[in-house]
Amino acid sequence: MKTQNIVVTLMLLGTLTLGLSTTIDEQITAIQNAATQEERVELMNEFKTDISTLTQEERIEAINQLRTTMQETNSEIQTQTRERTRIHQGDGSGEMIMNQKMNQNHAASKGMNQVRSGGGSTPGTGAGGQNGFMGKR
């Protein structure tokens, strides 16, 4: 008789645990899919209330399940954020290279114009060489 009571009790506990497990899965999914921060807080509070009725082992399992699910979600979000950042930085570096090339071309063009006009040489060292040696004889 005692063994029968123990077996029935264990079966009942197993059924309750299985039922709560499904409820916990549903609650975690609902928390993940919450549309607003207020809704997420409300669902988390319900989750906490529900797991407070569980045994310590069941509570640990439920919390670990929640952590794992949330870490996976956060990891996906971080990966997406990194990818977006990389793409945007890639766009910026392309623009930066283009600006550098434009600046180099502008500087080269400006230097060529100075040489042509003779405005870029120091006094006494013009196109004729030092002291105008090539121009005067």
Protein backbone atom coordinates (compact mmCIF):
# COMPACT_ATOMS: atom_id res chain seq x y z
CA MET A 1 0.00 0.00 0.00
CA LYS A 2 2.80 2.41 0.90
CA THR A 3 4.68 1.71 -2.33
CA GLN A 4 1.51 2.25 -4.28
CA ASN A 5 1.02 5.67 -2.64
CA ILE A 6 4.63 6.60 -3.40
CA VAL A 7 4.30 5.52 -7.04
CA VAL A 8 1.05 7.47 -7.46
CA THR A 9 2.62 10.53 -5.83
CA LEU A 10 5.66 10.34 -8.10
CA MET A 11 3.45 9.96 -11.18
CA LEU A 12 1.38 12.94 -10.10
CA LEU A 13 4.51 15.03 -9.51
CA GLY A 14 5.89 13.97 -12.89
CA THR A 15 2.66 15.00 -14.60
CA LEU A 16 2.62 18.36 -12.80
CA THR A 17 6.26 18.95 -13.66
CA LEU A 18 5.65 18.10 -17.31
CA GLY A 19 2.65 20.45 -17.35
CA LEU A 20 4.67 23.24 -15.77
CA SER A 21 7.50 22.60 -18.21
CA THR A 22 5.17 23.28 -21.12
CA THR A 23 3.88 26.37 -19.35
CA ILE A 24 7.43 27.55 -18.70
CA ASP A 25 8.33 27.08 -22.38
CA GLU A 26 5.27 29.08 -23.36
CA GLN A 27 6.09 31.79 -20.83
CA ILE A 28 9.68 32.09 -22.05
CA THR A 29 8.47 32.37 -25.65
CA ALA A 30 5.96 35.03 -24.61
CA ILE A 31 8.69 36.97 -22.78
CA GLN A 32 10.89 36.85 -25.87
CA ASN A 33 8.09 38.02 -28.14
CA ALA A 34 6.81 40.79 -25.85
CA ALA A 35 6.01 43.90 -27.89
CA THR A 36 6.78 46.48 -25.21
CA GLN A 37 9.08 46.72 -22.22
CA GLU A 38 6.07 46.96 -19.88
CA GLU A 39 4.62 43.74 -21.27
CA ARG A 40 7.99 42.00 -20.87
CA VAL A 41 8.20 43.12 -17.22
CA GLU A 42 4.67 41.88 -16.55
CA LEU A 43 5.41 38.49 -18.15
CA MET A 44 8.68 38.18 -16.21
CA ASN A 45 6.84 38.88 -12.96
CA GLU A 46 4.31 36.14 -13.79
CA PHE A 47 7.19 33.80 -14.63
CA LYS A 48 8.85 34.54 -11.28
CA THR A 49 5.59 33.90 -9.43
CA ASP A 50 5.12 30.60 -11.23
CA ILE A 51 8.65 29.33 -10.60
CA SER A 52 8.42 30.28 -6.92
CA THR A 53 6.00 27.36 -6.52
CA LEU A 54 8.47 24.86 -8.00
CA THR A 55 11.06 22.81 -6.17
CA GLN A 56 14.60 24.11 -6.08
CA GLU A 57 15.74 21.75 -8.85
CA GLU A 58 12.82 22.68 -11.09
CA ARG A 59 13.43 26.37 -10.40
CA ILE A 60 17.09 26.03 -11.35
CA GLU A 61 16.13 24.22 -14.55
CA ALA A 62 13.54 26.88 -15.46
CA ILE A 63 15.96 29.75 -14.80
CA ASN A 64 18.70 28.05 -16.80
CA GLN A 65 16.25 27.51 -19.65
CA LEU A 66 15.31 31.21 -19.55
CA ARG A 67 18.98 32.26 -19.46
CA THR A 68 19.91 30.01 -22.36
CA THR A 69 17.03 31.24 -24.48
CA MET A 70 17.73 34.89 -23.72
CA GLN A 71 21.48 34.49 -24.34
CA GLU A 72 20.76 32.93 -27.74
CA THR A 73 18.46 35.83 -28.57
CA ASN A 74 21.00 38.39 -27.36
CA SER A 75 23.74 36.64 -29.31
CA GLU A 76 21.67 36.84 -32.49
CA ILE A 77 20.97 40.53 -31.89
CA GLN A 78 24.68 41.23 -31.24
CA THR A 79 25.63 39.40 -34.44
CA GLN A 80 23.12 41.44 -36.43
CA THR A 81 24.37 44.66 -34.83
CA ARG A 82 28.01 43.78 -35.59
CA GLU A 83 27.10 43.01 -39.21
CA ARG A 84 25.25 46.32 -39.60
CA THR A 85 28.16 48.18 -38.03
CA ARG A 86 30.65 46.43 -40.30
CA ILE A 87 28.57 47.28 -43.36
CA HIS A 88 28.23 50.92 -42.32
CA GLN A 89 31.92 51.21 -41.52
CA GLY A 90 32.71 49.68 -44.89
CA ASP A 91 30.62 52.39 -46.55
CA GLY A 92 32.44 55.05 -44.55
CA SER A 93 35.89 53.72 -45.40
CA GLY A 94 35.02 53.71 -49.11
CA GLU A 95 34.04 57.36 -48.84
CA MET A 96 37.20 58.08 -46.88
CA ILE A 97 39.40 56.54 -49.57
CA MET A 98 37.56 58.50 -52.24
CA ASN A 99 38.08 61.74 -50.29
CA GLN A 100 41.78 60.96 -49.84
CA LYS A 101 42.20 60.40 -53.57
CA MET A 102 40.38 63.66 -54.34
CA ASN A 103 42.64 65.52 -51.90
CA GLN A 104 45.75 63.96 -53.43
CA ASN A 105 44.62 64.86 -56.94
CA HIS A 106 43.83 68.39 -55.82
CA ALA A 107 47.24 68.77 -54.15
CA ALA A 108 49.02 67.38 -57.23
CA SER A 109 47.06 69.67 -59.52
CA LYS A 110 47.81 72.67 -57.32
CA GLY A 111 51.51 71.78 -57.30
CA MET A 112 51.58 71.45 -61.09
CA ASN A 113 49.92 74.85 -61.46
CA GLN A 114 52.50 76.44 -59.16
CA VAL A 115 55.39 74.94 -61.14
CA ARG A 116 53.90 76.15 -64.44
CA SER A 117 53.39 79.67 -63.17
CA GLY A 118 56.74 79.75 -61.40
CA GLY A 119 55.04 80.77 -58.19
CA GLY A 120 56.24 77.81 -56.19
CA SER A 121 60.03 78.27 -56.43
CA THR A 122 62.17 80.11 -53.95
CA PRO A 123 63.75 83.42 -55.04
CA GLY A 124 66.96 83.01 -57.01
CA THR A 125 66.26 79.38 -57.91
CA GLY A 126 63.73 79.81 -60.71
CA ALA A 127 63.51 77.76 -63.88
CA GLY A 128 66.94 79.02 -64.98
CA GLY A 129 68.75 77.33 -62.10
CA GLN A 130 70.72 79.01 -59.32
CA ASN A 131 71.28 82.71 -60.03
CA GLY A 132 69.75 82.32 -63.46
CA PHE A 133 72.86 80.62 -64.88
CA MET A 134 71.01 78.97 -67.77
CA GLY A 135 69.26 82.15 -68.81
CA LYS A 136 72.21 84.57 -68.79
CA ARG A 137 75.52 84.31 -70.62
